[in-house]
Amino acid sequence: MTDLEKTHEIENVYVHTLENKERVSRNYYHGWNHPTGDMVYYMPKTPCKGEDNFWPLYYESFLRQDKLHQRASANARIQIWTPNDHLLTFPYANEVALDECHKRGIDVMFGWDMIKVHQSEIGEKIATFKNVTTGEVLEKPFHHANINPTSKPHQALVDGGLTDSTGCIDVNPYTLQHERFENIFAFGDAIKGNTTRNQTAATHQCPVVKHNVKQFMEGRECNAVYNGYSYYPFYMSYSHATCMSHTWDFEPAPNNHWVSGYGLFGAGYFNYQMGNNLKAGIAYTSFKKNHGPPHQHFNASYDPLEHNEYLQEKGVDVEALRNHHKKGGVVPA
């Protein structure tokens, strides 16, 4: 893969990492030029970075248009390969994605892990997959590849005993304080739990960690609570979108899938979310002096744990949550 990912973008092999500006510029072209053969779209084992990014419908809209104009051949198609048994971790979004793939003729190949990408002696591009159940290995020739690399934990965190069996940092899902080491807090893609890892989730975790770190340093109760909120746009085409949103354990949020992904509403929402997400990204990464996202102009305030409505709704044992470090236990999510 090392040789292929450095070729000209006309070779149509894109690996979605963000280590340099050249990579970002190259990946700008990552779906529109697929004139013939198979496009391999690889989704790695979850949990992973970018697990909410679902581009095949976006690619299919380009391909369908190109076929109408006879720019793409009739045999051009899109295939999704993944070692998982799902496309998206949010079950509701997963059902929508599977239904759309079925309607649009996108092949879905579950249970296949990508282990190699190379060129044959005659220059043919080949992806090698291994079946996670049977161990069968097959070689798949392709014309176009969009690859999200497998996410691996930092070895230092694993060696330090900070991660769980999935390689994610073992924090309490509500306070984002480590389950065993009380002076460690974490947020973002690295933490464990049944939620979708993305920028919006990290943004909503920021004030929780900020507040609880300050409380801990002052010897006070860590009473800020994160409810697992996550939102992401769901791209239906290059000009239409809807959205998905949920809290912990993938419970749909009130604004989940609130707009149609088709027609005028889908087109309007595509433009809205593009502008809104750009502004959110700028606000999140800026160095302006403020209180930080998502509130910017004020510090979030939090009720005492016993009065937190989300914990009450979930039936969480507040006393166990409050005292689990003193007792050496772990509060179940």
C-alpha atoms as a PDB file:
ATOM      1  CA  MET A   1       0.000   0.000   0.000  1.00  0.00           C
ATOM      2  CA  THR A   2       2.917   2.343   0.684  1.00  0.00           C
ATOM      3  CA  ASP A   3       3.785   2.564  -3.010  1.00  0.00           C
ATOM      4  CA  LEU A   4       0.191   2.870  -4.235  1.00  0.00           C
ATOM      5  CA  GLU A   5      -0.815   5.608  -1.807  1.00  0.00           C
ATOM      6  CA  LYS A   6       2.016   7.807  -3.130  1.00  0.00           C
ATOM      7  CA  THR A   7       1.038   7.487  -6.787  1.00  0.00           C
ATOM      8  CA  HIS A   8      -0.770  10.196  -8.749  1.00  0.00           C
ATOM      9  CA  GLU A   9      -4.453  10.534  -7.856  1.00  0.00           C
ATOM     10  CA  ILE A  10      -5.325   9.198 -11.306  1.00  0.00           C
ATOM     11  CA  GLU A  11      -4.479   5.765  -9.855  1.00  0.00           C
ATOM     12  CA  ASN A  12      -7.469   6.209  -7.508  1.00  0.00           C
ATOM     13  CA  VAL A  13      -5.997   4.776  -4.303  1.00  0.00           C
ATOM     14  CA  TYR A  14      -6.873   6.937  -1.289  1.00  0.00           C
ATOM     15  CA  VAL A  15      -5.927   6.242   2.336  1.00  0.00           C
ATOM     16  CA  HIS A  16      -7.781   8.465   4.755  1.00  0.00           C
ATOM     17  CA  THR A  17      -5.288   9.702   7.315  1.00  0.00           C
ATOM     18  CA  LEU A  18      -4.458  13.298   8.208  1.00  0.00           C
ATOM     19  CA  GLU A  19      -0.697  13.344   8.719  1.00  0.00           C
ATOM     20  CA  ASN A  20       0.093  16.124   6.213  1.00  0.00           C
ATOM     21  CA  LYS A  21      -1.406  18.757   3.913  1.00  0.00           C
ATOM     22  CA  GLU A  22      -0.464  16.818   0.792  1.00  0.00           C
ATOM     23  CA  ARG A  23      -2.590  13.886   1.944  1.00  0.00           C
ATOM     24  CA  VAL A  24      -5.578  16.156   2.526  1.00  0.00           C
ATOM     25  CA  SER A  25      -5.171  17.721  -0.907  1.00  0.00           C
ATOM     26  CA  ARG A  26      -4.870  14.319  -2.594  1.00  0.00           C
ATOM     27  CA  ASN A  27      -7.927  12.920  -0.845  1.00  0.00           C
ATOM     28  CA  TYR A  28     -10.020  15.805  -2.133  1.00  0.00           C
ATOM     29  CA  TYR A  29     -10.489  13.725  -5.305  1.00  0.00           C
ATOM     30  CA  HIS A  30     -11.440  10.562  -3.474  1.00  0.00           C
ATOM     31  CA  GLY A  31     -14.651   9.480  -5.182  1.00  0.00           C
ATOM     32  CA  TRP A  32     -15.668  11.336  -8.274  1.00  0.00           C
ATOM     33  CA  ASN A  33     -13.454   9.590 -10.849  1.00  0.00           C
ATOM     34  CA  HIS A  34     -14.546   5.963 -11.106  1.00  0.00           C
ATOM     35  CA  PRO A  35     -15.025   5.160 -14.804  1.00  0.00           C
ATOM     36  CA  THR A  36     -14.864   1.362 -14.762  1.00  0.00           C
ATOM     37  CA  GLY A  37     -14.437  -1.785 -12.677  1.00  0.00           C
ATOM     38  CA  ASP A  38     -14.832  -2.105  -8.905  1.00  0.00           C
ATOM     39  CA  MET A  39     -14.423   0.570  -6.266  1.00  0.00           C
ATOM     40  CA  VAL A  40     -13.279  -0.997  -2.972  1.00  0.00           C
ATOM     41  CA  TYR A  41     -14.459   0.974   0.042  1.00  0.00           C
ATOM     42  CA  TYR A  42     -12.873  -0.394   3.237  1.00  0.00           C
ATOM     43  CA  MET A  43     -14.249   0.176   6.730  1.00  0.00           C
ATOM     44  CA  PRO A  44     -11.949  -1.162   9.512  1.00  0.00           C
ATOM     45  CA  LYS A  45     -12.870  -2.967  12.693  1.00  0.00           C
ATOM     46  CA  THR A  46     -14.700  -0.766  15.176  1.00  0.00           C
ATOM     47  CA  PRO A  47     -14.072   1.124  17.360  1.00  0.00           C
ATOM     48  CA  CYS A  48     -12.079   3.316  14.999  1.00  0.00           C
ATOM     49  CA  LYS A  49     -11.482   6.873  13.910  1.00  0.00           C
ATOM     50  CA  GLY A  50     -13.999   8.155  11.416  1.00  0.00           C
ATOM     51  CA  GLU A  51     -16.479   5.380  12.164  1.00  0.00           C
ATOM     52  CA  ASP A  52     -19.362   7.732  11.343  1.00  0.00           C
ATOM     53  CA  ASN A  53     -17.988   8.657   7.895  1.00  0.00           C
ATOM     54  CA  PHE A  54     -20.140   6.876   5.332  1.00  0.00           C
ATOM     55  CA  TRP A  55     -19.279   7.930   1.785  1.00  0.00           C
ATOM     56  CA  PRO A  56     -20.535   5.147  -0.539  1.00  0.00           C
ATOM     57  CA  LEU A  57     -23.852   6.921  -1.200  1.00  0.00           C
ATOM     58  CA  TYR A  58     -21.905  10.073  -2.072  1.00  0.00           C
ATOM     59  CA  TYR A  59     -19.747   8.073  -4.482  1.00  0.00           C
ATOM     60  CA  GLU A  60     -22.764   6.308  -5.977  1.00  0.00           C
ATOM     61  CA  SER A  61     -24.414   9.608  -6.846  1.00  0.00           C
ATOM     62  CA  PHE A  62     -21.354  10.592  -8.921  1.00  0.00           C
ATOM     63  CA  LEU A  63     -21.212   7.159 -10.523  1.00  0.00           C
ATOM     64  CA  ARG A  64     -24.909   7.164 -11.431  1.00  0.00           C
ATOM     65  CA  GLN A  65     -24.556  10.571 -13.040  1.00  0.00           C
ATOM     66  CA  ASP A  66     -21.452   9.473 -14.965  1.00  0.00           C
ATOM     67  CA  LYS A  67     -23.240   6.394 -16.286  1.00  0.00           C
ATOM     68  CA  LEU A  68     -26.099   8.547 -17.554  1.00  0.00           C
ATOM     69  CA  HIS A  69     -23.592  10.671 -19.461  1.00  0.00           C
ATOM     70  CA  GLN A  70     -21.715   7.534 -20.590  1.00  0.00           C
ATOM     71  CA  ARG A  71     -18.579   8.750 -18.860  1.00  0.00           C
ATOM     72  CA  ALA A  72     -18.535   5.562 -16.755  1.00  0.00           C
ATOM     73  CA  SER A  73     -18.960   2.034 -18.079  1.00  0.00           C
ATOM     74  CA  ALA A  74     -21.942  -0.147 -17.206  1.00  0.00           C
ATOM     75  CA  ASN A  75     -19.740  -2.538 -15.205  1.00  0.00           C
ATOM     76  CA  ALA A  76     -18.507   0.136 -12.768  1.00  0.00           C
ATOM     77  CA  ARG A  77     -19.735  -0.613  -9.259  1.00  0.00           C
ATOM     78  CA  ILE A  78     -19.064   0.079  -5.595  1.00  0.00           C
ATOM     79  CA  GLN A  79     -18.229  -2.573  -3.015  1.00  0.00           C
ATOM     80  CA  ILE A  80     -18.016  -2.109   0.760  1.00  0.00           C
ATOM     81  CA  TRP A  81     -15.605  -4.456   2.550  1.00  0.00           C
ATOM     82  CA  THR A  82     -15.415  -4.612   6.331  1.00  0.00           C
ATOM     83  CA  PRO A  83     -14.470  -7.120   9.058  1.00  0.00           C
ATOM     84  CA  ASN A  84     -17.536  -5.947  11.013  1.00  0.00           C
ATOM     85  CA  ASP A  85     -21.075  -7.302  10.843  1.00  0.00           C
ATOM     86  CA  HIS A  86     -22.418  -3.753  10.430  1.00  0.00           C
ATOM     87  CA  LEU A  87     -21.766  -0.601   8.432  1.00  0.00           C
ATOM     88  CA  LEU A  88     -22.362   1.910  11.239  1.00  0.00           C
ATOM     89  CA  THR A  89     -22.285   1.375  14.993  1.00  0.00           C
ATOM     90  CA  PHE A  90     -25.527   3.308  15.501  1.00  0.00           C
ATOM     91  CA  PRO A  91     -28.147   0.613  14.692  1.00  0.00           C
ATOM     92  CA  TYR A  92     -30.706   3.101  13.351  1.00  0.00           C
ATOM     93  CA  ALA A  93     -28.185   4.658  10.955  1.00  0.00           C
ATOM     94  CA  ASN A  94     -26.955   1.187  10.033  1.00  0.00           C
ATOM     95  CA  GLU A  95     -30.441   0.177   8.878  1.00  0.00           C
ATOM     96  CA  VAL A  96     -30.757   3.331   6.771  1.00  0.00           C
ATOM     97  CA  ALA A  97     -27.333   2.699   5.204  1.00  0.00           C
ATOM     98  CA  LEU A  98     -28.082  -0.947   4.399  1.00  0.00           C
ATOM     99  CA  ASP A  99     -31.433  -0.055   2.863  1.00  0.00           C
ATOM    100  CA  GLU A 100     -29.866   2.635   0.672  1.00  0.00           C
ATOM    101  CA  CYS A 101     -27.063   0.297  -0.425  1.00  0.00           C
ATOM    102  CA  HIS A 102     -29.627  -2.319  -1.420  1.00  0.00           C
ATOM    103  CA  LYS A 103     -31.668   0.192  -3.429  1.00  0.00           C
ATOM    104  CA  ARG A 104     -28.606   1.631  -5.181  1.00  0.00           C
ATOM    105  CA  GLY A 105     -26.863  -1.629  -6.063  1.00  0.00           C
ATOM    106  CA  ILE A 106     -23.885  -1.199  -3.715  1.00  0.00           C
ATOM    107  CA  ASP A 107     -22.354  -4.546  -2.743  1.00  0.00           C
ATOM    108  CA  VAL A 108     -21.789  -5.075   1.002  1.00  0.00           C
ATOM    109  CA  MET A 109     -19.171  -7.633   2.044  1.00  0.00           C
ATOM    110  CA  PHE A 110     -19.257  -8.305   5.811  1.00  0.00           C
ATOM    111  CA  GLY A 111     -16.587 -10.226   7.721  1.00  0.00           C
ATOM    112  CA  TRP A 112     -13.572  -9.466   5.500  1.00  0.00           C
ATOM    113  CA  ASP A 113     -10.422  -7.857   6.901  1.00  0.00           C
ATOM    114  CA  MET A 114      -8.053  -6.088   4.499  1.00  0.00           C
ATOM    115  CA  ILE A 115      -4.512  -7.348   5.042  1.00  0.00           C
ATOM    116  CA  LYS A 116      -2.650  -6.133   1.948  1.00  0.00           C
ATOM    117  CA  VAL A 117      -2.878  -3.835  -1.084  1.00  0.00           C
ATOM    118  CA  HIS A 118      -0.354  -4.180  -3.883  1.00  0.00           C
ATOM    119  CA  GLN A 119       0.242  -4.158  -7.648  1.00  0.00           C
ATOM    120  CA  SER A 120       0.763  -7.364  -9.575  1.00  0.00           C
ATOM    121  CA  GLU A 121       3.582  -7.952 -12.050  1.00  0.00           C
ATOM    122  CA  ILE A 122       1.427  -6.564 -14.848  1.00  0.00           C
ATOM    123  CA  GLY A 123       0.409  -3.458 -12.836  1.00  0.00           C
ATOM    124  CA  GLU A 124      -3.030  -4.660 -11.741  1.00  0.00           C
ATOM    125  CA  LYS A 125      -4.128  -3.234  -8.402  1.00  0.00           C
ATOM    126  CA  ILE A 126      -5.063  -5.994  -5.939  1.00  0.00           C
ATOM    127  CA  ALA A 127      -6.500  -5.953  -2.407  1.00  0.00           C
ATOM    128  CA  THR A 128      -6.065  -9.049  -0.244  1.00  0.00           C
ATOM    129  CA  PHE A 129      -8.797  -9.885   2.281  1.00  0.00           C
ATOM    130  CA  LYS A 130      -9.085 -12.474   5.037  1.00  0.00           C
ATOM    131  CA  ASN A 131     -12.395 -13.813   6.301  1.00  0.00           C
ATOM    132  CA  VAL A 132     -12.574 -13.204  10.046  1.00  0.00           C
ATOM    133  CA  THR A 133     -14.675 -16.358  10.605  1.00  0.00           C
ATOM    134  CA  THR A 134     -13.234 -18.986   8.286  1.00  0.00           C
ATOM    135  CA  GLY A 135      -9.724 -17.636   7.730  1.00  0.00           C
ATOM    136  CA  GLU A 136     -10.188 -17.829   3.952  1.00  0.00           C
ATOM    137  CA  VAL A 137      -7.915 -15.466   1.998  1.00  0.00           C
ATOM    138  CA  LEU A 138      -8.840 -13.991  -1.369  1.00  0.00           C
ATOM    139  CA  GLU A 139      -7.324 -11.478  -3.770  1.00  0.00           C
ATOM    140  CA  LYS A 140      -9.638  -8.825  -5.193  1.00  0.00           C
ATOM    141  CA  PRO A 141      -8.593  -6.825  -8.308  1.00  0.00           C
ATOM    142  CA  PHE A 142      -9.910  -3.273  -8.228  1.00  0.00           C
ATOM    143  CA  HIS A 143      -9.810   0.002 -10.108  1.00  0.00           C
ATOM    144  CA  HIS A 144     -10.492   2.432  -7.263  1.00  0.00           C
ATOM    145  CA  ALA A 145      -9.924   2.146  -3.486  1.00  0.00           C
ATOM    146  CA  ASN A 146     -10.961   4.299  -0.548  1.00  0.00           C
ATOM    147  CA  ILE A 147      -9.399   2.957   2.624  1.00  0.00           C
ATOM    148  CA  ASN A 148      -9.952   3.958   6.236  1.00  0.00           C
ATOM    149  CA  PRO A 149      -6.964   2.405   8.055  1.00  0.00           C
ATOM    150  CA  THR A 150      -7.410   0.241  11.127  1.00  0.00           C
ATOM    151  CA  SER A 151      -7.167   2.209  14.377  1.00  0.00           C
ATOM    152  CA  LYS A 152      -4.712   0.914  16.968  1.00  0.00           C
ATOM    153  CA  PRO A 153      -4.262   2.044  20.589  1.00  0.00           C
ATOM    154  CA  HIS A 154      -1.085   3.786  21.709  1.00  0.00           C
ATOM    155  CA  GLN A 155       1.108   1.087  23.191  1.00  0.00           C
ATOM    156  CA  ALA A 156       2.104   3.307  26.127  1.00  0.00           C
ATOM    157  CA  LEU A 157      -1.541   3.506  27.199  1.00  0.00           C
ATOM    158  CA  VAL A 158      -1.954  -0.259  26.911  1.00  0.00           C
ATOM    159  CA  ASP A 159       1.246  -0.913  28.869  1.00  0.00           C
ATOM    160  CA  GLY A 160       0.125   1.552  31.533  1.00  0.00           C
ATOM    161  CA  GLY A 161      -3.140  -0.299  32.088  1.00  0.00           C
ATOM    162  CA  LEU A 162      -5.259   2.629  30.947  1.00  0.00           C
ATOM    163  CA  THR A 163      -7.226   0.815  28.238  1.00  0.00           C
ATOM    164  CA  ASP A 164      -9.958  -1.793  28.175  1.00  0.00           C
ATOM    165  CA  SER A 165     -10.237  -4.902  25.975  1.00  0.00           C
ATOM    166  CA  THR A 166     -11.079  -2.782  22.908  1.00  0.00           C
ATOM    167  CA  GLY A 167      -7.963  -0.621  23.276  1.00  0.00           C
ATOM    168  CA  CYS A 168      -9.973   2.437  24.320  1.00  0.00           C
ATOM    169  CA  ILE A 169      -9.266   4.423  27.478  1.00  0.00           C
ATOM    170  CA  ASP A 170     -11.266   2.982  30.360  1.00  0.00           C
ATOM    171  CA  VAL A 171     -13.177   6.026  31.597  1.00  0.00           C
ATOM    172  CA  ASN A 172     -16.477   6.230  33.397  1.00  0.00           C
ATOM    173  CA  PRO A 173     -18.990   7.082  30.659  1.00  0.00           C
ATOM    174  CA  TYR A 174     -20.661   9.852  32.655  1.00  0.00           C
ATOM    175  CA  THR A 175     -17.850  11.761  34.404  1.00  0.00           C
ATOM    176  CA  LEU A 176     -15.113  10.755  31.880  1.00  0.00           C
ATOM    177  CA  GLN A 177     -12.830  10.068  34.843  1.00  0.00           C
ATOM    178  CA  HIS A 178     -10.724   6.918  34.626  1.00  0.00           C
ATOM    179  CA  GLU A 179     -12.298   3.916  36.321  1.00  0.00           C
ATOM    180  CA  ARG A 180      -9.143   3.009  38.260  1.00  0.00           C
ATOM    181  CA  PHE A 181      -6.858   6.057  38.221  1.00  0.00           C
ATOM    182  CA  GLU A 182      -8.761   8.988  39.673  1.00  0.00           C
ATOM    183  CA  ASN A 183      -6.285  11.615  38.439  1.00  0.00           C
ATOM    184  CA  ILE A 184      -6.799  10.701  34.774  1.00  0.00           C
ATOM    185  CA  PHE A 185      -9.578  12.056  32.534  1.00  0.00           C
ATOM    186  CA  ALA A 186     -10.027  11.472  28.811  1.00  0.00           C
ATOM    187  CA  PHE A 187     -12.294  12.455  25.935  1.00  0.00           C
ATOM    188  CA  GLY A 188     -12.626  12.146  22.164  1.00  0.00           C
ATOM    189  CA  ASP A 189     -12.095   9.148  19.892  1.00  0.00           C
ATOM    190  CA  ALA A 190      -9.912   7.428  22.486  1.00  0.00           C
ATOM    191  CA  ILE A 191     -12.555   6.680  25.137  1.00  0.00           C
ATOM    192  CA  LYS A 192     -14.595   3.498  25.508  1.00  0.00           C
ATOM    193  CA  GLY A 193     -18.363   3.245  25.329  1.00  0.00           C
ATOM    194  CA  ASN A 194     -21.323   2.762  23.042  1.00  0.00           C
ATOM    195  CA  THR A 195     -21.340   6.051  21.205  1.00  0.00           C
ATOM    196  CA  THR A 196     -20.142   7.231  17.802  1.00  0.00           C
ATOM    197  CA  ARG A 197     -16.695   8.837  17.899  1.00  0.00           C
ATOM    198  CA  ASN A 198     -16.617  12.169  16.067  1.00  0.00           C
ATOM    199  CA  GLN A 199     -15.904  15.867  16.501  1.00  0.00           C
ATOM    200  CA  THR A 200     -19.357  16.736  17.820  1.00  0.00           C
ATOM    201  CA  ALA A 201     -19.074  14.098  20.538  1.00  0.00           C
ATOM    202  CA  ALA A 202     -15.620  15.380  21.516  1.00  0.00           C
ATOM    203  CA  THR A 203     -16.910  18.969  21.585  1.00  0.00           C
ATOM    204  CA  HIS A 204     -19.668  18.037  24.016  1.00  0.00           C
ATOM    205  CA  GLN A 205     -17.218  16.102  26.182  1.00  0.00           C
ATOM    206  CA  CYS A 206     -14.865  19.094  26.482  1.00  0.00           C
ATOM    207  CA  PRO A 207     -16.787  21.080  29.127  1.00  0.00           C
ATOM    208  CA  VAL A 208     -17.427  17.901  31.133  1.00  0.00           C
ATOM    209  CA  VAL A 209     -13.719  17.106  31.357  1.00  0.00           C
ATOM    210  CA  LYS A 210     -12.821  20.754  31.947  1.00  0.00           C
ATOM    211  CA  HIS A 211     -15.279  21.072  34.837  1.00  0.00           C
ATOM    212  CA  ASN A 212     -14.427  17.722  36.437  1.00  0.00           C
ATOM    213  CA  VAL A 213     -10.664  18.275  36.254  1.00  0.00           C
ATOM    214  CA  LYS A 214     -11.084  21.604  38.068  1.00  0.00           C
ATOM    215  CA  GLN A 215     -13.380  19.974  40.624  1.00  0.00           C
ATOM    216  CA  PHE A 216     -10.925  17.142  41.219  1.00  0.00           C
ATOM    217  CA  MET A 217      -7.975  19.494  41.665  1.00  0.00           C
ATOM    218  CA  GLU A 218      -9.956  21.469  44.221  1.00  0.00           C
ATOM    219  CA  GLY A 219     -10.996  18.339  46.102  1.00  0.00           C
ATOM    220  CA  ARG A 220     -14.630  18.628  45.080  1.00  0.00           C
ATOM    221  CA  GLU A 221     -17.118  16.235  43.549  1.00  0.00           C
ATOM    222  CA  CYS A 222     -16.856  15.475  39.823  1.00  0.00           C
ATOM    223  CA  ASN A 223     -20.452  16.311  39.042  1.00  0.00           C
ATOM    224  CA  ALA A 224     -20.336  17.151  35.315  1.00  0.00           C
ATOM    225  CA  VAL A 225     -22.098  14.410  33.334  1.00  0.00           C
ATOM    226  CA  TYR A 226     -21.810  13.509  29.655  1.00  0.00           C
ATOM    227  CA  ASN A 227     -24.911  11.886  28.196  1.00  0.00           C
ATOM    228  CA  GLY A 228     -23.178  10.329  25.184  1.00  0.00           C
ATOM    229  CA  TYR A 229     -24.487  12.880  22.701  1.00  0.00           C
ATOM    230  CA  SER A 230     -23.156  12.410  19.178  1.00  0.00           C
ATOM    231  CA  TYR A 231     -24.236  13.940  15.881  1.00  0.00           C
ATOM    232  CA  TYR A 232     -23.014  13.486  12.327  1.00  0.00           C
ATOM    233  CA  PRO A 233     -24.218  14.358   8.836  1.00  0.00           C
ATOM    234  CA  PHE A 234     -25.329  11.419   6.706  1.00  0.00           C
ATOM    235  CA  TYR A 235     -24.467  12.104   3.059  1.00  0.00           C
ATOM    236  CA  MET A 236     -27.048  10.815   0.571  1.00  0.00           C
ATOM    237  CA  SER A 237     -25.301  12.320  -2.479  1.00  0.00           C
ATOM    238  CA  TYR A 238     -22.855  15.048  -3.446  1.00  0.00           C
ATOM    239  CA  SER A 239     -25.612  17.613  -2.818  1.00  0.00           C
ATOM    240  CA  HIS A 240     -28.083  15.996  -0.386  1.00  0.00           C
ATOM    241  CA  ALA A 241     -27.791  15.021   3.270  1.00  0.00           C
ATOM    242  CA  THR A 242     -29.686  14.137   6.403  1.00  0.00           C
ATOM    243  CA  CYS A 243     -28.342  13.626   9.938  1.00  0.00           C
ATOM    244  CA  MET A 244     -27.986  11.040  12.688  1.00  0.00           C
ATOM    245  CA  SER A 245     -27.845  11.759  16.405  1.00  0.00           C
ATOM    246  CA  HIS A 246     -27.949   9.698  19.591  1.00  0.00           C
ATOM    247  CA  THR A 247     -26.899   9.510  23.237  1.00  0.00           C
ATOM    248  CA  TRP A 248     -25.244   6.684  25.211  1.00  0.00           C
ATOM    249  CA  ASP A 249     -26.049   3.129  24.124  1.00  0.00           C
ATOM    250  CA  PHE A 250     -27.238   4.509  20.781  1.00  0.00           C
ATOM    251  CA  GLU A 251     -30.538   5.848  22.060  1.00  0.00           C
ATOM    252  CA  PRO A 252     -31.830   8.149  19.287  1.00  0.00           C
ATOM    253  CA  ALA A 253     -31.698  11.838  20.228  1.00  0.00           C
ATOM    254  CA  PRO A 254     -34.678  14.155  19.591  1.00  0.00           C
ATOM    255  CA  ASN A 255     -33.068  15.602  16.443  1.00  0.00           C
ATOM    256  CA  ASN A 256     -32.105  12.231  14.958  1.00  0.00           C
ATOM    257  CA  HIS A 257     -32.952  11.969  11.228  1.00  0.00           C
ATOM    258  CA  TRP A 258     -35.263  14.940  11.475  1.00  0.00           C
ATOM    259  CA  VAL A 259     -34.917  15.985   7.826  1.00  0.00           C
ATOM    260  CA  SER A 260     -35.396  14.034   4.615  1.00  0.00           C
ATOM    261  CA  GLY A 261     -32.233  13.246   2.694  1.00  0.00           C
ATOM    262  CA  TYR A 262     -33.984  13.731  -0.621  1.00  0.00           C
ATOM    263  CA  GLY A 263     -35.479  16.621  -2.588  1.00  0.00           C
ATOM    264  CA  LEU A 264     -35.409  20.271  -1.602  1.00  0.00           C
ATOM    265  CA  PHE A 265     -35.118  19.548   2.116  1.00  0.00           C
ATOM    266  CA  GLY A 266     -32.155  17.222   1.629  1.00  0.00           C
ATOM    267  CA  ALA A 267     -30.428  19.747  -0.638  1.00  0.00           C
ATOM    268  CA  GLY A 268     -31.085  22.585   1.789  1.00  0.00           C
ATOM    269  CA  TYR A 269     -29.797  20.590   4.737  1.00  0.00           C
ATOM    270  CA  PHE A 270     -26.637  19.641   2.833  1.00  0.00           C
ATOM    271  CA  ASN A 271     -25.768  23.323   2.408  1.00  0.00           C
ATOM    272  CA  TYR A 272     -26.761  24.134   5.981  1.00  0.00           C
ATOM    273  CA  GLN A 273     -24.667  21.411   7.602  1.00  0.00           C
ATOM    274  CA  MET A 274     -21.626  22.144   5.408  1.00  0.00           C
ATOM    275  CA  GLY A 275     -21.566  25.750   6.590  1.00  0.00           C
ATOM    276  CA  ASN A 276     -22.478  24.945  10.173  1.00  0.00           C
ATOM    277  CA  ASN A 277     -19.901  22.156  10.535  1.00  0.00           C
ATOM    278  CA  LEU A 278     -17.207  24.413   9.067  1.00  0.00           C
ATOM    279  CA  LYS A 279     -18.003  27.086  11.650  1.00  0.00           C
ATOM    280  CA  ALA A 280     -17.988  24.494  14.422  1.00  0.00           C
ATOM    281  CA  GLY A 281     -14.601  23.197  13.302  1.00  0.00           C
ATOM    282  CA  ILE A 282     -13.123  26.677  13.198  1.00  0.00           C
ATOM    283  CA  ALA A 283     -14.496  27.446  16.670  1.00  0.00           C
ATOM    284  CA  TYR A 284     -13.140  24.167  18.050  1.00  0.00           C
ATOM    285  CA  THR A 285      -9.624  24.610  16.682  1.00  0.00           C
ATOM    286  CA  SER A 286      -9.227  28.375  17.054  1.00  0.00           C
ATOM    287  CA  PHE A 287      -6.931  29.961  19.613  1.00  0.00           C
ATOM    288  CA  LYS A 288      -9.370  32.695  20.513  1.00  0.00           C
ATOM    289  CA  LYS A 289      -9.553  33.461  24.191  1.00  0.00           C
ATOM    290  CA  ASN A 290     -12.916  32.149  25.391  1.00  0.00           C
ATOM    291  CA  HIS A 291     -14.370  29.419  27.576  1.00  0.00           C
ATOM    292  CA  GLY A 292     -14.153  26.790  24.869  1.00  0.00           C
ATOM    293  CA  PRO A 293     -16.676  24.898  22.776  1.00  0.00           C
ATOM    294  CA  PRO A 294     -19.530  24.306  22.605  1.00  0.00           C
ATOM    295  CA  HIS A 295     -20.541  27.313  24.768  1.00  0.00           C
ATOM    296  CA  GLN A 296     -17.652  29.692  24.004  1.00  0.00           C
ATOM    297  CA  HIS A 297     -18.863  32.660  26.056  1.00  0.00           C
ATOM    298  CA  PHE A 298     -19.624  30.995  29.398  1.00  0.00           C
ATOM    299  CA  ASN A 299     -18.646  28.046  31.557  1.00  0.00           C
ATOM    300  CA  ALA A 300     -21.202  25.258  31.753  1.00  0.00           C
ATOM    301  CA  SER A 301     -22.701  24.667  35.187  1.00  0.00           C
ATOM    302  CA  TYR A 302     -23.856  21.283  36.483  1.00  0.00           C
ATOM    303  CA  ASP A 303     -26.311  20.049  39.103  1.00  0.00           C
ATOM    304  CA  PRO A 304     -25.148  17.843  41.970  1.00  0.00           C
ATOM    305  CA  LEU A 305     -25.046  14.197  40.926  1.00  0.00           C
ATOM    306  CA  GLU A 306     -28.150  13.291  42.916  1.00  0.00           C
ATOM    307  CA  HIS A 307     -30.166  15.901  41.006  1.00  0.00           C
ATOM    308  CA  ASN A 308     -28.876  15.070  37.537  1.00  0.00           C
ATOM    309  CA  GLU A 309     -31.913  14.192  35.418  1.00  0.00           C
ATOM    310  CA  TYR A 310     -29.978  12.038  32.949  1.00  0.00           C
ATOM    311  CA  LEU A 311     -28.533   9.841  35.712  1.00  0.00           C
ATOM    312  CA  GLN A 312     -32.009   9.527  37.218  1.00  0.00           C
ATOM    313  CA  GLU A 313     -33.453   8.542  33.853  1.00  0.00           C
ATOM    314  CA  LYS A 314     -30.745   5.900  33.362  1.00  0.00           C
ATOM    315  CA  GLY A 315     -31.166   4.563  36.901  1.00  0.00           C
ATOM    316  CA  VAL A 316     -27.507   5.070  37.784  1.00  0.00           C
ATOM    317  CA  ASP A 317     -26.483   4.420  41.404  1.00  0.00           C
ATOM    318  CA  VAL A 318     -25.273   7.918  42.246  1.00  0.00           C
ATOM    319  CA  GLU A 319     -23.619   6.923  45.522  1.00  0.00           C
ATOM    320  CA  ALA A 320     -21.648   4.205  43.775  1.00  0.00           C
ATOM    321  CA  LEU A 321     -20.631   6.696  41.084  1.00  0.00           C
ATOM    322  CA  ARG A 322     -19.586   9.211  43.733  1.00  0.00           C
ATOM    323  CA  ASN A 323     -17.547   6.802  45.812  1.00  0.00           C
ATOM    324  CA  HIS A 324     -16.260   4.134  43.439  1.00  0.00           C
ATOM    325  CA  HIS A 325     -12.627   5.279  43.621  1.00  0.00           C
ATOM    326  CA  LYS A 326     -12.717   5.211  47.410  1.00  0.00           C
ATOM    327  CA  LYS A 327     -14.037   1.657  47.341  1.00  0.00           C
ATOM    328  CA  GLY A 328     -11.820   0.524  44.478  1.00  0.00           C
ATOM    329  CA  GLY A 329     -14.812  -0.554  42.419  1.00  0.00           C
ATOM    330  CA  VAL A 330     -16.103   0.225  38.969  1.00  0.00           C
ATOM    331  CA  VAL A 331     -19.489   1.742  38.301  1.00  0.00           C
ATOM    332  CA  PRO A 332     -21.338  -0.189  35.595  1.00  0.00           C
ATOM    333  CA  ALA A 333     -22.432   1.922  32.623  1.00  0.00           C
END
